Each structure stands twice: as structure tokens, then as C-alpha cells.
N, C-alpha and C. Protein backbone atom coordinates (compact mmCIF):
# COMPACT_ATOMS: atom_id res chain seq x y z
N MET A 1 -26.46 24.43 -1.21
CA MET A 1 -26.77 24.78 -2.52
C MET A 1 -25.51 26.23 -2.75
N LYS A 2 -25.56 27.08 -2.07
CA LYS A 2 -24.82 27.92 -2.00
C LYS A 2 -23.27 27.43 -1.94
N LYS A 3 -23.02 26.93 -1.25
CA LYS A 3 -21.80 26.54 -0.89
C LYS A 3 -21.29 25.69 -2.09
N THR A 4 -21.89 24.84 -3.10
CA THR A 4 -21.51 24.04 -3.98
C THR A 4 -21.21 24.85 -4.98
N LEU A 5 -21.99 25.81 -5.46
CA LEU A 5 -21.94 26.87 -6.30
C LEU A 5 -20.59 27.61 -6.24
N VAL A 6 -20.29 28.01 -4.90
CA VAL A 6 -19.20 28.87 -4.57
C VAL A 6 -17.49 28.29 -4.83
N THR A 7 -17.79 26.77 -4.57
CA THR A 7 -16.64 26.12 -4.95
C THR A 7 -16.57 25.61 -6.20
N LEU A 8 -17.65 25.43 -6.89
CA LEU A 8 -17.58 25.25 -8.35
C LEU A 8 -16.89 26.77 -9.25
N CYS A 9 -17.22 27.70 -8.68
CA CYS A 9 -16.97 29.16 -9.36
C CYS A 9 -15.15 29.32 -8.99
N ALA A 10 -15.10 28.95 -7.97
CA ALA A 10 -13.64 29.01 -7.52
C ALA A 10 -12.92 27.88 -8.07
N ALA A 11 -13.05 26.86 -8.58
CA ALA A 11 -12.22 25.93 -9.33
C ALA A 11 -12.23 26.09 -10.43
N ALA A 12 -13.39 26.64 -11.10
CA ALA A 12 -13.22 26.81 -12.75
C ALA A 12 -12.09 28.19 -12.71
N LEU A 13 -12.19 29.15 -11.93
CA LEU A 13 -11.16 30.10 -11.63
C LEU A 13 -9.77 29.76 -11.65
N LEU A 14 -9.68 29.04 -11.03
CA LEU A 14 -8.23 28.29 -10.38
C LEU A 14 -7.76 27.12 -11.67
N SER A 15 -8.81 26.75 -12.13
CA SER A 15 -7.92 25.64 -12.99
C SER A 15 -8.21 26.32 -14.38
N THR A 16 -8.09 27.33 -14.63
CA THR A 16 -8.03 27.90 -16.28
C THR A 16 -6.68 27.88 -16.19
N SER A 17 -6.06 27.66 -17.66
CA SER A 17 -5.13 27.58 -18.00
C SER A 17 -4.83 28.01 -19.42
N CYS A 18 -3.50 27.77 -20.12
CA CYS A 18 -3.25 28.04 -21.69
C CYS A 18 -2.80 26.59 -21.79
N LEU A 19 -3.44 25.99 -22.80
CA LEU A 19 -3.03 24.53 -23.44
C LEU A 19 -1.73 24.80 -24.13
N GLY A 20 -0.97 24.08 -24.19
CA GLY A 20 0.29 24.36 -24.84
C GLY A 20 0.32 23.30 -26.00
N PRO A 21 1.37 23.00 -26.86
CA PRO A 21 1.48 22.09 -27.79
C PRO A 21 1.60 20.63 -27.39
N CYS A 22 2.09 20.26 -25.95
CA CYS A 22 2.13 18.78 -25.76
C CYS A 22 3.06 17.99 -26.43
N ASN A 23 4.27 18.57 -26.74
CA ASN A 23 5.36 18.15 -27.40
C ASN A 23 6.02 16.75 -26.94
N ALA A 24 5.73 16.66 -25.77
CA ALA A 24 6.25 15.24 -25.31
C ALA A 24 5.02 13.89 -25.69
N PHE A 25 4.03 14.28 -25.17
CA PHE A 25 2.76 13.56 -25.57
C PHE A 25 2.81 13.09 -27.04
N GLN A 26 2.93 14.20 -28.25
CA GLN A 26 2.74 14.06 -29.54
C GLN A 26 4.25 13.42 -29.67
N SER A 27 5.21 13.53 -29.48
CA SER A 27 6.44 12.60 -29.78
C SER A 27 5.94 11.28 -29.50
N THR A 28 5.78 10.60 -28.19
CA THR A 28 5.57 9.60 -27.72
C THR A 28 4.56 9.13 -28.57
N MET A 29 3.52 9.50 -29.14
CA MET A 29 2.40 9.14 -30.04
C MET A 29 2.69 8.88 -31.62
N SER A 30 4.06 9.92 -32.07
CA SER A 30 4.34 9.73 -33.41
C SER A 30 5.33 8.61 -33.54
N TRP A 31 6.28 8.51 -32.10
CA TRP A 31 6.99 7.39 -32.27
C TRP A 31 6.31 6.13 -32.35
N ASN A 32 4.89 5.87 -31.62
CA ASN A 32 4.39 4.81 -31.91
C ASN A 32 3.54 4.55 -33.07
N SER A 33 3.09 5.83 -33.83
CA SER A 33 2.69 5.35 -35.04
C SER A 33 4.14 5.02 -36.07
N ARG A 34 4.69 5.46 -36.00
CA ARG A 34 6.21 4.86 -37.00
C ARG A 34 7.18 3.46 -36.62
N ALA A 35 6.35 3.14 -35.06
CA ALA A 35 7.32 1.97 -34.71
C ALA A 35 7.69 0.81 -35.70
N THR A 36 6.41 0.58 -36.31
CA THR A 36 6.58 -0.77 -37.62
C THR A 36 5.75 -0.06 -38.59
N GLU A 37 5.77 -1.09 -39.77
CA GLU A 37 4.96 -0.88 -40.64
C GLU A 37 3.68 -1.52 -40.44
N ASP A 38 3.38 -2.15 -39.49
CA ASP A 38 2.29 -2.92 -39.51
C ASP A 38 1.06 -2.61 -38.31
N LYS A 39 0.02 -1.99 -38.80
CA LYS A 39 -0.80 -1.23 -37.86
C LYS A 39 -1.33 -2.07 -36.91
N TYR A 40 -1.43 -3.48 -37.07
CA TYR A 40 -1.81 -4.61 -35.80
C TYR A 40 -0.69 -4.42 -34.64
N LEU A 41 0.76 -4.27 -35.23
CA LEU A 41 1.79 -4.48 -34.19
C LEU A 41 1.86 -3.29 -33.28
N ASN A 42 1.87 -2.11 -34.42
CA ASN A 42 1.85 -0.97 -33.81
C ASN A 42 0.63 -0.79 -32.50
N GLU A 43 -0.61 -1.19 -32.72
CA GLU A 43 -1.41 -1.32 -31.86
C GLU A 43 -1.34 -2.36 -30.67
N LEU A 44 -0.31 -3.36 -30.68
CA LEU A 44 0.33 -4.50 -29.70
C LEU A 44 0.86 -3.30 -28.99
N ILE A 45 2.22 -2.63 -29.26
CA ILE A 45 2.79 -1.54 -28.70
C ILE A 45 2.21 -0.62 -28.11
N PHE A 46 1.55 0.11 -28.48
CA PHE A 46 0.65 0.76 -27.89
C PHE A 46 -0.21 0.87 -26.73
N LEU A 47 -0.70 -0.32 -26.60
CA LEU A 47 -1.52 -1.10 -25.23
C LEU A 47 -0.61 -0.89 -24.32
N PRO A 48 0.54 -1.23 -23.97
CA PRO A 48 1.36 -1.42 -22.80
C PRO A 48 1.93 0.16 -22.56
N ALA A 49 2.38 0.78 -23.84
CA ALA A 49 3.00 2.04 -24.00
C ALA A 49 2.36 3.07 -23.50
N CYS A 50 0.45 2.88 -22.90
CA CYS A 50 -0.43 3.85 -22.75
C CYS A 50 0.40 4.61 -21.57
N PHE A 51 1.12 3.71 -20.53
CA PHE A 51 1.54 4.34 -19.35
C PHE A 51 2.40 5.43 -19.70
N VAL A 52 3.42 4.89 -20.58
CA VAL A 52 4.49 5.69 -21.15
C VAL A 52 3.75 7.50 -21.63
N HIS A 53 2.64 7.02 -22.21
CA HIS A 53 2.01 8.17 -23.20
C HIS A 53 1.35 9.04 -22.02
N GLY A 54 0.88 8.50 -20.84
CA GLY A 54 0.30 9.04 -19.86
C GLY A 54 1.24 9.96 -19.11
N LEU A 55 2.42 9.21 -18.87
CA LEU A 55 3.25 10.15 -18.05
C LEU A 55 3.99 11.65 -18.72
N ALA A 56 3.78 11.15 -20.14
CA ALA A 56 4.49 12.30 -21.24
C ALA A 56 3.30 13.32 -21.17
N LEU A 57 2.07 13.08 -21.22
CA LEU A 57 1.30 13.78 -21.16
C LEU A 57 1.06 14.62 -19.78
N THR A 58 1.27 13.88 -18.68
CA THR A 58 1.31 14.93 -17.38
C THR A 58 2.34 15.56 -17.33
N GLY A 59 3.59 15.04 -17.94
CA GLY A 59 5.02 15.81 -17.71
C GLY A 59 4.72 17.02 -18.84
N ASP A 60 3.74 17.04 -19.86
CA ASP A 60 3.64 18.41 -20.71
C ASP A 60 2.52 19.33 -19.86
N PHE A 61 1.67 18.85 -19.03
CA PHE A 61 0.71 19.70 -18.30
C PHE A 61 1.36 20.28 -17.38
N VAL A 62 2.31 19.35 -16.33
CA VAL A 62 2.66 20.23 -15.53
C VAL A 62 4.13 21.02 -15.50
N VAL A 63 4.91 20.49 -16.40
CA VAL A 63 6.18 21.18 -16.33
C VAL A 63 6.59 21.99 -18.05
N PHE A 64 6.40 21.09 -19.15
CA PHE A 64 6.63 21.25 -20.18
C PHE A 64 6.34 22.46 -20.38
N ASN A 65 4.69 22.52 -20.62
CA ASN A 65 3.88 23.63 -21.33
C ASN A 65 4.06 24.98 -20.44
N SER A 66 4.38 24.74 -18.82
CA SER A 66 4.38 25.78 -18.20
C SER A 66 5.63 26.37 -18.47
N LEU A 67 6.66 25.46 -18.73
CA LEU A 67 8.05 26.50 -19.06
C LEU A 67 7.70 27.02 -20.01
N GLU A 68 7.23 26.50 -21.16
CA GLU A 68 7.22 27.37 -22.41
C GLU A 68 6.21 28.59 -22.21
N PHE A 69 5.18 28.25 -21.63
CA PHE A 69 4.18 29.55 -21.18
C PHE A 69 5.16 30.78 -20.47
N TRP A 70 6.07 30.36 -19.28
CA TRP A 70 6.58 31.54 -18.78
C TRP A 70 8.22 32.07 -19.29
N THR A 71 8.67 30.86 -20.28
CA THR A 71 10.15 31.57 -20.82
C THR A 71 9.80 31.58 -22.19
N GLY A 72 8.91 31.03 -23.06
CA GLY A 72 8.44 31.11 -24.65
C GLY A 72 9.18 29.94 -25.19
N LYS A 73 9.95 29.13 -24.73
CA LYS A 73 10.79 27.90 -25.55
C LYS A 73 10.17 26.59 -24.74
N ASN A 74 9.84 25.89 -25.54
CA ASN A 74 9.85 24.55 -25.08
C ASN A 74 11.09 23.36 -25.32
N PRO A 75 11.12 22.93 -23.76
CA PRO A 75 12.27 22.14 -23.97
C PRO A 75 12.20 20.81 -24.99
N ILE A 76 10.94 20.42 -25.06
CA ILE A 76 11.23 19.49 -26.12
C ILE A 76 10.55 19.89 -27.36
N SER A 77 11.31 19.42 -28.41
CA SER A 77 11.49 20.14 -29.59
C SER A 77 9.73 19.42 -30.35
N LYS A 78 9.34 19.74 -31.24
CA LYS A 78 8.18 19.74 -32.05
C LYS A 78 8.48 18.64 -32.59
N PRO A 79 7.78 17.45 -32.27
CA PRO A 79 7.84 16.07 -32.86
C PRO A 79 7.43 16.06 -34.97
N GLN A 80 7.52 14.77 -35.12
CA GLN A 80 7.27 14.64 -36.38
C GLN A 80 5.85 14.54 -36.54
N GLU A 81 4.95 14.73 -37.29
CA GLU A 81 3.62 14.49 -37.90
C GLU A 81 3.07 12.96 -37.43
N PHE A 82 1.92 12.93 -36.99
CA PHE A 82 1.45 11.32 -36.74
C PHE A 82 1.15 10.83 -37.72
N LYS A 83 1.64 9.82 -38.07
CA LYS A 83 1.28 8.96 -39.26
C LYS A 83 0.30 8.05 -39.25
N GLY A 84 -0.90 8.44 -39.70
CA GLY A 84 -2.24 7.85 -39.64
C GLY A 84 -2.00 6.57 -40.28
N GLN A 85 -2.90 5.51 -39.95
CA GLN A 85 -2.78 4.21 -40.43
C GLN A 85 -3.94 4.18 -41.47
N SER A 86 -3.60 3.68 -42.61
CA SER A 86 -4.70 3.71 -43.54
C SER A 86 -5.49 2.31 -43.39
N LYS A 87 -6.66 2.10 -43.82
CA LYS A 87 -7.53 0.98 -43.73
C LYS A 87 -6.74 -0.40 -44.15
């Protein structure tokens, strides 16, 4: 039990970070929301694009947000706002 508690505390201390704006992920999601005017077609595009969204999010967490933290500049520009779908 003590070993588990020490491991959990160490993991909590080592995994804390500053979460950035995730511009790459937001850009892919914003593009997907504007791909067509039809929300159902956008959903069909979204499903296979989930792989791309995952890569963008991983890139944000590992590279782009870290660069912004250390340099103050994010190499990915801020995306357009997400276009919500109406009912």
C-alpha cells in the first residue's frame, strides 16, 4: 500500500503541466465544422478524421504547447472559431 501511494504521488508530481491552447487540434476541428454546410456530411467526414484529430492533439501536447511554454510563441496560428451546428 505504501509503495502504491508513493508511486501515485510521484506520478502526480511528474505529470503536472501547463495546458496550452491546442491550436493544431482546434484548427482541425474548426476545419471539420466548416467542411460543408451539411451537418450530417460533416459528421461523416469527422469519423475517419478522428485519427487526424488525435495526431493534432498529440502534437499539441508533446510539441507545440511545449514550444509555446518555453518560447512564448506557438508555431501554429490561432484557428477560426468553431462553427457550432444548429439543430
